[in-house]
PDB file of all heavy atoms in Angstrom:
ATOM      1  N   PHE A   1       9.667   5.440  -3.311  1.00  0.00           N
ATOM      2  CA  PHE A   1       8.895   5.254  -2.135  1.00  0.00           C
ATOM      3  C   PHE A   1       7.363   5.309  -2.510  1.00  0.00           C
ATOM      4  O   PHE A   1       6.968   6.284  -3.227  1.00  0.00           O
ATOM      5  CB  PHE A   1       9.177   6.325  -1.077  1.00  0.00           C
ATOM      6  CG  PHE A   1       8.453   6.269   0.156  1.00  0.00           C
ATOM      7  CD1 PHE A   1       8.636   5.375   1.113  1.00  0.00           C
ATOM      8  CD2 PHE A   1       7.391   7.201   0.281  1.00  0.00           C
ATOM      9  CE1 PHE A   1       7.876   5.394   2.292  1.00  0.00           C
ATOM     10  CE2 PHE A   1       6.644   7.263   1.472  1.00  0.00           C
ATOM     11  CZ  PHE A   1       6.900   6.267   2.453  1.00  0.00           C
ATOM     12  N   ASN A   2       6.569   4.370  -2.010  1.00  0.00           N
ATOM     13  CA  ASN A   2       5.112   4.395  -2.172  1.00  0.00           C
ATOM     14  C   ASN A   2       4.435   4.387  -0.916  1.00  0.00           C
ATOM     15  O   ASN A   2       4.758   3.595  -0.027  1.00  0.00           O
ATOM     16  CB  ASN A   2       4.772   3.113  -2.983  1.00  0.00           C
ATOM     17  CG  ASN A   2       5.285   3.050  -4.407  1.00  0.00           C
ATOM     18  OD1 ASN A   2       4.729   3.483  -5.317  1.00  0.00           O
ATOM     19  ND2 ASN A   2       6.556   2.490  -4.401  1.00  0.00           N
ATOM     20  N   VAL A   3       3.365   5.295  -0.752  1.00  0.00           N
ATOM     21  CA  VAL A   3       2.562   5.322   0.399  1.00  0.00           C
ATOM     22  C   VAL A   3       1.095   5.466   0.024  1.00  0.00           C
ATOM     23  O   VAL A   3       0.783   6.304  -0.887  1.00  0.00           O
ATOM     24  CB  VAL A   3       2.979   6.488   1.358  1.00  0.00           C
ATOM     25  CG1 VAL A   3       2.875   7.836   0.722  1.00  0.00           C
ATOM     26  CG2 VAL A   3       2.133   6.373   2.678  1.00  0.00           C
ATOM     27  N   PHE A   4       0.188   4.785   0.637  1.00  0.00           N
ATOM     28  CA  PHE A   4      -1.285   4.760   0.307  1.00  0.00           C
ATOM     29  C   PHE A   4      -1.969   4.891   1.597  1.00  0.00           C
ATOM     30  O   PHE A   4      -1.639   4.218   2.596  1.00  0.00           O
ATOM     31  CB  PHE A   4      -1.643   3.608  -0.478  1.00  0.00           C
ATOM     32  CG  PHE A   4      -0.866   3.395  -1.726  1.00  0.00           C
ATOM     33  CD1 PHE A   4      -0.072   2.228  -1.840  1.00  0.00           C
ATOM     34  CD2 PHE A   4      -0.906   4.249  -2.802  1.00  0.00           C
ATOM     35  CE1 PHE A   4       0.633   2.055  -3.101  1.00  0.00           C
ATOM     36  CE2 PHE A   4      -0.234   4.092  -3.964  1.00  0.00           C
ATOM     37  CZ  PHE A   4       0.591   2.933  -4.103  1.00  0.00           C
ATOM     38  N   LYS A   5      -3.088   5.627   1.557  1.00  0.00           N
ATOM     39  CA  LYS A   5      -3.939   5.823   2.793  1.00  0.00           C
ATOM     40  C   LYS A   5      -5.401   5.570   2.507  1.00  0.00           C
ATOM     41  O   LYS A   5      -5.827   5.929   1.463  1.00  0.00           O
ATOM     42  CB  LYS A   5      -3.706   7.240   3.472  1.00  0.00           C
ATOM     43  CG  LYS A   5      -2.306   7.542   3.843  1.00  0.00           C
ATOM     44  CD  LYS A   5      -2.286   8.882   4.487  1.00  0.00           C
ATOM     45  CE  LYS A   5      -0.813   9.214   4.907  1.00  0.00           C
ATOM     46  NZ  LYS A   5      -0.713  10.606   5.557  1.00  0.00           N
ATOM     47  N   LYS A   6      -6.021   4.908   3.440  1.00  0.00           N
ATOM     48  CA  LYS A   6      -7.519   4.689   3.223  1.00  0.00           C
ATOM     49  C   LYS A   6      -8.157   4.326   4.544  1.00  0.00           C
ATOM     50  O   LYS A   6      -7.746   3.415   5.286  1.00  0.00           O
ATOM     51  CB  LYS A   6      -7.802   3.548   2.260  1.00  0.00           C
ATOM     52  CG  LYS A   6      -9.164   3.263   1.811  1.00  0.00           C
ATOM     53  CD  LYS A   6      -9.304   2.204   0.782  1.00  0.00           C
ATOM     54  CE  LYS A   6     -10.680   2.023   0.319  1.00  0.00           C
ATOM     55  NZ  LYS A   6     -10.880   0.998  -0.731  1.00  0.00           N
ATOM     56  N   ASP A   7      -9.126   5.088   4.921  1.00  0.00           N
ATOM     57  CA  ASP A   7     -10.022   4.844   6.058  1.00  0.00           C
ATOM     58  C   ASP A   7      -9.203   4.590   7.320  1.00  0.00           C
ATOM     59  O   ASP A   7      -9.486   3.614   8.044  1.00  0.00           O
ATOM     60  CB  ASP A   7     -10.918   3.643   5.854  1.00  0.00           C
ATOM     61  CG  ASP A   7     -11.930   3.945   4.684  1.00  0.00           C
ATOM     62  OD1 ASP A   7     -12.138   5.081   4.251  1.00  0.00           O
ATOM     63  OD2 ASP A   7     -12.439   2.912   4.028  1.00  0.00           O
ATOM     64  N   GLY A   8      -8.200   5.411   7.620  1.00  0.00           N
ATOM     65  CA  GLY A   8      -7.403   5.296   8.834  1.00  0.00           C
ATOM     66  C   GLY A   8      -6.319   4.295   8.780  1.00  0.00           C
ATOM     67  O   GLY A   8      -5.641   3.986   9.785  1.00  0.00           O
ATOM     68  N   ILE A   9      -6.134   3.660   7.633  1.00  0.00           N
ATOM     69  CA  ILE A   9      -5.031   2.762   7.465  1.00  0.00           C
ATOM     70  C   ILE A   9      -3.941   3.325   6.493  1.00  0.00           C
ATOM     71  O   ILE A   9      -4.417   3.801   5.443  1.00  0.00           O
ATOM     72  CB  ILE A   9      -5.526   1.367   6.912  1.00  0.00           C
ATOM     73  CG1 ILE A   9      -6.737   0.830   7.726  1.00  0.00           C
ATOM     74  CG2 ILE A   9      -4.422   0.351   6.881  1.00  0.00           C
ATOM     75  CD1 ILE A   9      -6.347   0.454   9.123  1.00  0.00           C
ATOM     76  N   THR A  10      -2.712   3.212   6.789  1.00  0.00           N
ATOM     77  CA  THR A  10      -1.641   3.601   5.906  1.00  0.00           C
ATOM     78  C   THR A  10      -0.650   2.470   5.674  1.00  0.00           C
ATOM     79  O   THR A  10      -0.263   1.784   6.632  1.00  0.00           O
ATOM     80  CB  THR A  10      -0.857   4.766   6.615  1.00  0.00           C
ATOM     81  OG1 THR A  10      -1.762   5.875   6.874  1.00  0.00           O
ATOM     82  CG2 THR A  10       0.201   5.382   5.655  1.00  0.00           C
ATOM     83  N   VAL A  11      -0.319   2.277   4.415  1.00  0.00           N
ATOM     84  CA  VAL A  11       0.754   1.346   3.981  1.00  0.00           C
ATOM     85  C   VAL A  11       1.832   2.114   3.370  1.00  0.00           C
ATOM     86  O   VAL A  11       1.629   2.977   2.523  1.00  0.00           O
ATOM     87  CB  VAL A  11       0.215   0.233   3.108  1.00  0.00           C
ATOM     88  CG1 VAL A  11      -0.577  -0.846   3.840  1.00  0.00           C
ATOM     89  CG2 VAL A  11      -0.558   0.780   1.930  1.00  0.00           C
ATOM     90  N   ALA A  12       3.035   1.904   3.796  1.00  0.00           N
ATOM     91  CA  ALA A  12       4.221   2.653   3.292  1.00  0.00           C
ATOM     92  C   ALA A  12       5.295   1.630   2.901  1.00  0.00           C
ATOM     93  O   ALA A  12       5.707   0.851   3.639  1.00  0.00           O
ATOM     94  CB  ALA A  12       4.829   3.568   4.384  1.00  0.00           C
ATOM     95  N   PHE A  13       5.655   1.724   1.550  1.00  0.00           N
ATOM     96  CA  PHE A  13       6.615   0.797   0.946  1.00  0.00           C
ATOM     97  C   PHE A  13       7.876   1.550   0.630  1.00  0.00           C
ATOM     98  O   PHE A  13       7.882   2.357  -0.331  1.00  0.00           O
ATOM     99  CB  PHE A  13       6.005   0.151  -0.241  1.00  0.00           C
ATOM    100  CG  PHE A  13       4.730  -0.637  -0.034  1.00  0.00           C
ATOM    101  CD1 PHE A  13       3.497   0.035  -0.307  1.00  0.00           C
ATOM    102  CD2 PHE A  13       4.762  -1.908   0.516  1.00  0.00           C
ATOM    103  CE1 PHE A  13       2.314  -0.618  -0.140  1.00  0.00           C
ATOM    104  CE2 PHE A  13       3.534  -2.544   0.646  1.00  0.00           C
ATOM    105  CZ  PHE A  13       2.328  -1.942   0.418  1.00  0.00           C
ATOM    106  N   PRO A  14       8.982   1.288   1.307  1.00  0.00           N
ATOM    107  CA  PRO A  14      10.276   1.958   0.936  1.00  0.00           C
ATOM    108  C   PRO A  14      10.666   1.548  -0.507  1.00  0.00           C
ATOM    109  O   PRO A  14      10.151   0.633  -1.059  1.00  0.00           O
ATOM    110  CB  PRO A  14      11.216   1.340   2.032  1.00  0.00           C
ATOM    111  CG  PRO A  14      10.390   0.859   3.111  1.00  0.00           C
ATOM    112  CD  PRO A  14       9.059   0.418   2.450  1.00  0.00           C
ATOM    113  N   LYS A  15      11.614   2.356  -0.972  1.00  0.00           N
ATOM    114  CA  LYS A  15      12.141   2.139  -2.353  1.00  0.00           C
ATOM    115  C   LYS A  15      12.658   0.705  -2.422  1.00  0.00           C
ATOM    116  O   LYS A  15      13.336   0.226  -1.480  1.00  0.00           O
ATOM    117  CB  LYS A  15      13.264   3.134  -2.614  1.00  0.00           C
ATOM    118  CG  LYS A  15      13.945   2.872  -3.981  1.00  0.00           C
ATOM    119  CD  LYS A  15      15.016   3.954  -4.152  1.00  0.00           C
ATOM    120  CE  LYS A  15      15.792   3.743  -5.460  1.00  0.00           C
ATOM    121  NZ  LYS A  15      16.879   4.730  -5.633  1.00  0.00           N
ATOM    122  N   ASN A  16      12.283  -0.047  -3.469  1.00  0.00           N
ATOM    123  CA  ASN A  16      12.734  -1.418  -3.734  1.00  0.00           C
ATOM    124  C   ASN A  16      12.228  -2.385  -2.735  1.00  0.00           C
ATOM    125  O   ASN A  16      12.872  -3.437  -2.503  1.00  0.00           O
ATOM    126  CB  ASN A  16      14.254  -1.505  -3.840  1.00  0.00           C
ATOM    127  CG  ASN A  16      14.829  -0.737  -4.985  1.00  0.00           C
ATOM    128  OD1 ASN A  16      14.184  -0.718  -6.013  1.00  0.00           O
ATOM    129  ND2 ASN A  16      15.969  -0.066  -4.768  1.00  0.00           N
ATOM    130  N   THR A  17      10.946  -2.123  -2.124  1.00  0.00           N
ATOM    131  CA  THR A  17      10.336  -3.135  -1.386  1.00  0.00           C
ATOM    132  C   THR A  17      10.075  -4.307  -2.253  1.00  0.00           C
ATOM    133  O   THR A  17      10.132  -5.492  -1.769  1.00  0.00           O
ATOM    134  CB  THR A  17       9.076  -2.592  -0.695  1.00  0.00           C
ATOM    135  OG1 THR A  17       9.431  -1.561   0.216  1.00  0.00           O
ATOM    136  CG2 THR A  17       8.349  -3.651   0.061  1.00  0.00           C
ATOM    137  N   PHE A  18       9.629  -4.062  -3.472  1.00  0.00           N
ATOM    138  CA  PHE A  18       9.309  -5.101  -4.444  1.00  0.00           C
ATOM    139  C   PHE A  18      10.349  -5.074  -5.608  1.00  0.00           C
ATOM    140  O   PHE A  18      11.100  -4.103  -5.677  1.00  0.00           O
ATOM    141  CB  PHE A  18       7.846  -4.813  -5.055  1.00  0.00           C
ATOM    142  CG  PHE A  18       6.749  -4.790  -3.985  1.00  0.00           C
ATOM    143  CD1 PHE A  18       6.269  -3.607  -3.477  1.00  0.00           C
ATOM    144  CD2 PHE A  18       6.195  -5.989  -3.602  1.00  0.00           C
ATOM    145  CE1 PHE A  18       5.312  -3.610  -2.571  1.00  0.00           C
ATOM    146  CE2 PHE A  18       5.232  -6.063  -2.630  1.00  0.00           C
ATOM    147  CZ  PHE A  18       4.718  -4.800  -2.096  1.00  0.00           C
ATOM    148  N   TYR A  19      10.313  -6.056  -6.360  1.00  0.00           N
ATOM    149  CA  TYR A  19      11.253  -6.298  -7.368  1.00  0.00           C
ATOM    150  C   TYR A  19      10.766  -5.734  -8.809  1.00  0.00           C
ATOM    151  O   TYR A  19      11.514  -5.433  -9.551  1.00  0.00           O
ATOM    152  CB  TYR A  19      11.583  -7.872  -7.638  1.00  0.00           C
ATOM    153  CG  TYR A  19      12.240  -8.430  -6.432  1.00  0.00           C
ATOM    154  CD1 TYR A  19      11.578  -9.338  -5.637  1.00  0.00           C
ATOM    155  CD2 TYR A  19      13.520  -8.122  -6.085  1.00  0.00           C
ATOM    156  CE1 TYR A  19      12.106  -9.913  -4.508  1.00  0.00           C
ATOM    157  CE2 TYR A  19      14.249  -8.709  -4.947  1.00  0.00           C
ATOM    158  CZ  TYR A  19      13.491  -9.580  -4.155  1.00  0.00           C
ATOM    159  OH  TYR A  19      14.019 -10.192  -3.053  1.00  0.00           O
ATOM    160  N   ASN A  20       9.378  -5.638  -8.869  1.00  0.00           N
ATOM    161  CA  ASN A  20       8.787  -5.159 -10.068  1.00  0.00           C
ATOM    162  C   ASN A  20       7.639  -4.160  -9.827  1.00  0.00           C
ATOM    163  O   ASN A  20       7.177  -4.159  -8.664  1.00  0.00           O
ATOM    164  CB  ASN A  20       8.327  -6.316 -10.919  1.00  0.00           C
ATOM    165  CG  ASN A  20       9.453  -7.284 -11.334  1.00  0.00           C
ATOM    166  OD1 ASN A  20      10.334  -6.922 -12.100  1.00  0.00           O
ATOM    167  ND2 ASN A  20       9.342  -8.513 -10.895  1.00  0.00           N
ATOM    168  N   ASP A  21       7.274  -3.440 -10.832  1.00  0.00           N
ATOM    169  CA  ASP A  21       6.025  -2.697 -10.736  1.00  0.00           C
ATOM    170  C   ASP A  21       4.807  -3.496 -10.926  1.00  0.00           C
ATOM    171  O   ASP A  21       4.731  -4.533 -11.526  1.00  0.00           O
ATOM    172  CB  ASP A  21       5.970  -1.614 -11.858  1.00  0.00           C
ATOM    173  CG  ASP A  21       7.122  -0.630 -11.795  1.00  0.00           C
ATOM    174  OD1 ASP A  21       7.871  -0.657 -10.784  1.00  0.00           O
ATOM    175  OD2 ASP A  21       7.279   0.147 -12.738  1.00  0.00           O
ATOM    176  N   PHE A  22       3.769  -3.118 -10.151  1.00  0.00           N
ATOM    177  CA  PHE A  22       2.468  -3.837 -10.283  1.00  0.00           C
ATOM    178  C   PHE A  22       1.335  -3.094  -9.615  1.00  0.00           C
ATOM    179  O   PHE A  22       1.644  -2.009  -8.950  1.00  0.00           O
ATOM    180  CB  PHE A  22       2.499  -5.332  -9.672  1.00  0.00           C
ATOM    181  CG  PHE A  22       2.570  -5.204  -8.077  1.00  0.00           C
ATOM    182  CD1 PHE A  22       1.540  -5.591  -7.350  1.00  0.00           C
ATOM    183  CD2 PHE A  22       3.754  -4.967  -7.436  1.00  0.00           C
ATOM    184  CE1 PHE A  22       1.533  -5.523  -5.909  1.00  0.00           C
ATOM    185  CE2 PHE A  22       3.876  -5.018  -6.115  1.00  0.00           C
ATOM    186  CZ  PHE A  22       2.766  -5.308  -5.356  1.00  0.00           C
ATOM    187  N   TYR A  23       0.094  -3.511  -9.778  1.00  0.00           N
ATOM    188  CA  TYR A  23      -1.054  -2.779  -9.109  1.00  0.00           C
ATOM    189  C   TYR A  23      -1.381  -3.477  -7.843  1.00  0.00           C
ATOM    190  O   TYR A  23      -1.640  -4.706  -7.808  1.00  0.00           O
ATOM    191  CB  TYR A  23      -2.298  -2.794 -10.108  1.00  0.00           C
ATOM    192  CG  TYR A  23      -2.092  -1.882 -11.303  1.00  0.00           C
ATOM    193  CD1 TYR A  23      -1.640  -2.351 -12.524  1.00  0.00           C
ATOM    194  CD2 TYR A  23      -2.414  -0.548 -11.178  1.00  0.00           C
ATOM    195  CE1 TYR A  23      -1.516  -1.501 -13.573  1.00  0.00           C
ATOM    196  CE2 TYR A  23      -2.229   0.325 -12.286  1.00  0.00           C
ATOM    197  CZ  TYR A  23      -1.845  -0.183 -13.454  1.00  0.00           C
ATOM    198  OH  TYR A  23      -1.674   0.677 -14.580  1.00  0.00           O
ATOM    199  N   LEU A  24      -1.369  -2.688  -6.777  1.00  0.00           N
ATOM    200  CA  LEU A  24      -1.598  -3.225  -5.424  1.00  0.00           C
ATOM    201  C   LEU A  24      -3.063  -3.297  -5.121  1.00  0.00           C
ATOM    202  O   LEU A  24      -3.860  -2.411  -5.349  1.00  0.00           O
ATOM    203  CB  LEU A  24      -0.918  -2.375  -4.397  1.00  0.00           C
ATOM    204  CG  LEU A  24      -1.020  -2.728  -2.942  1.00  0.00           C
ATOM    205  CD1 LEU A  24      -0.078  -3.919  -2.661  1.00  0.00           C
ATOM    206  CD2 LEU A  24      -0.795  -1.598  -2.017  1.00  0.00           C
ATOM    207  N   ASN A  25      -3.533  -4.424  -4.637  1.00  0.00           N
ATOM    208  CA  ASN A  25      -4.892  -4.569  -4.161  1.00  0.00           C
ATOM    209  C   ASN A  25      -4.952  -4.132  -2.698  1.00  0.00           C
ATOM    210  O   ASN A  25      -4.450  -4.865  -1.833  1.00  0.00           O
ATOM    211  CB  ASN A  25      -5.407  -6.005  -4.348  1.00  0.00           C
ATOM    212  CG  ASN A  25      -6.827  -6.140  -4.026  1.00  0.00           C
ATOM    213  OD1 ASN A  25      -7.578  -5.159  -3.526  1.00  0.00           O
ATOM    214  ND2 ASN A  25      -7.449  -7.298  -4.161  1.00  0.00           N
ATOM    215  N   PHE A  26      -5.520  -2.960  -2.437  1.00  0.00           N
ATOM    216  CA  PHE A  26      -5.452  -2.411  -1.047  1.00  0.00           C
ATOM    217  C   PHE A  26      -6.972  -2.094  -0.718  1.00  0.00           C
ATOM    218  O   PHE A  26      -7.571  -1.182  -1.246  1.00  0.00           O
ATOM    219  CB  PHE A  26      -4.611  -1.159  -0.985  1.00  0.00           C
ATOM    220  CG  PHE A  26      -4.582  -0.423   0.264  1.00  0.00           C
ATOM    221  CD1 PHE A  26      -4.547  -1.103   1.500  1.00  0.00           C
ATOM    222  CD2 PHE A  26      -4.684   0.999   0.292  1.00  0.00           C
ATOM    223  CE1 PHE A  26      -4.496  -0.449   2.712  1.00  0.00           C
ATOM    224  CE2 PHE A  26      -4.595   1.633   1.527  1.00  0.00           C
ATOM    225  CZ  PHE A  26      -4.557   0.974   2.658  1.00  0.00           C
ATOM    226  N   GLU A  27      -7.471  -2.843   0.262  1.00  0.00           N
ATOM    227  CA  GLU A  27      -8.947  -2.742   0.680  1.00  0.00           C
ATOM    228  C   GLU A  27      -8.994  -2.626   2.174  1.00  0.00           C
ATOM    229  O   GLU A  27      -8.221  -3.272   2.924  1.00  0.00           O
ATOM    230  CB  GLU A  27      -9.718  -3.847   0.207  1.00  0.00           C
ATOM    231  CG  GLU A  27      -9.716  -4.119  -1.343  1.00  0.00           C
ATOM    232  CD  GLU A  27     -10.402  -5.389  -1.641  1.00  0.00           C
ATOM    233  OE1 GLU A  27     -11.047  -6.027  -0.786  1.00  0.00           O
ATOM    234  OE2 GLU A  27     -10.347  -5.795  -2.805  1.00  0.00           O
ATOM    235  N   VAL A  28      -9.832  -1.748   2.651  1.00  0.00           N
ATOM    236  CA  VAL A  28     -10.166  -1.697   4.092  1.00  0.00           C
ATOM    237  C   VAL A  28     -11.688  -2.047   4.290  1.00  0.00           C
ATOM    238  O   VAL A  28     -12.605  -1.418   3.699  1.00  0.00           O
ATOM    239  CB  VAL A  28      -9.890  -0.300   4.626  1.00  0.00           C
ATOM    240  CG1 VAL A  28     -10.349  -0.235   6.093  1.00  0.00           C
ATOM    241  CG2 VAL A  28      -8.473   0.146   4.401  1.00  0.00           C
ATOM    242  N   GLN A  29     -11.879  -3.114   5.015  1.00  0.00           N
ATOM    243  CA  GLN A  29     -13.280  -3.544   5.289  1.00  0.00           C
ATOM    244  C   GLN A  29     -13.706  -3.238   6.686  1.00  0.00           C
ATOM    245  O   GLN A  29     -13.012  -2.492   7.389  1.00  0.00           O
ATOM    246  CB  GLN A  29     -13.276  -5.110   5.000  1.00  0.00           C
ATOM    247  CG  GLN A  29     -12.848  -5.442   3.612  1.00  0.00           C
ATOM    248  CD  GLN A  29     -12.605  -6.956   3.468  1.00  0.00           C
ATOM    249  OE1 GLN A  29     -12.913  -7.753   4.352  1.00  0.00           O
ATOM    250  NE2 GLN A  29     -12.047  -7.348   2.266  1.00  0.00           N
ATOM    251  N   LYS A  30     -14.887  -3.668   7.050  1.00  0.00           N
ATOM    252  CA  LYS A  30     -15.327  -3.283   8.406  1.00  0.00           C
ATOM    253  C   LYS A  30     -14.469  -3.912   9.526  1.00  0.00           C
ATOM    254  O   LYS A  30     -13.761  -4.840   9.303  1.00  0.00           O
ATOM    255  CB  LYS A  30     -16.874  -3.817   8.532  1.00  0.00           C
ATOM    256  CG  LYS A  30     -16.950  -5.278   8.469  1.00  0.00           C
ATOM    257  CD  LYS A  30     -18.433  -5.702   8.607  1.00  0.00           C
ATOM    258  CE  LYS A  30     -18.560  -7.264   8.571  1.00  0.00           C
ATOM    259  NZ  LYS A  30     -20.012  -7.661   8.837  1.00  0.00           N
ATOM    260  N   ASP A  31     -14.630  -3.325  10.660  1.00  0.00           N
ATOM    261  CA  ASP A  31     -13.933  -3.746  11.814  1.00  0.00           C
ATOM    262  C   ASP A  31     -12.410  -3.831  11.691  1.00  0.00           C
ATOM    263  O   ASP A  31     -11.720  -4.650  12.149  1.00  0.00           O
ATOM    264  CB  ASP A  31     -14.345  -5.263  12.264  1.00  0.00           C
ATOM    265  CG  ASP A  31     -15.865  -5.286  12.622  1.00  0.00           C
ATOM    266  OD1 ASP A  31     -16.348  -4.283  13.175  1.00  0.00           O
ATOM    267  OD2 ASP A  31     -16.459  -6.343  12.313  1.00  0.00           O
TER     268      ASP A  31
END
């Protein structure tokens, strides 16, 4: 299970959401 939080935004990925490991690009911009 993977969960990331930034500036009031949360993304939660259950186990095996993806097929492989990788680096997620997670950005929070204005508005």
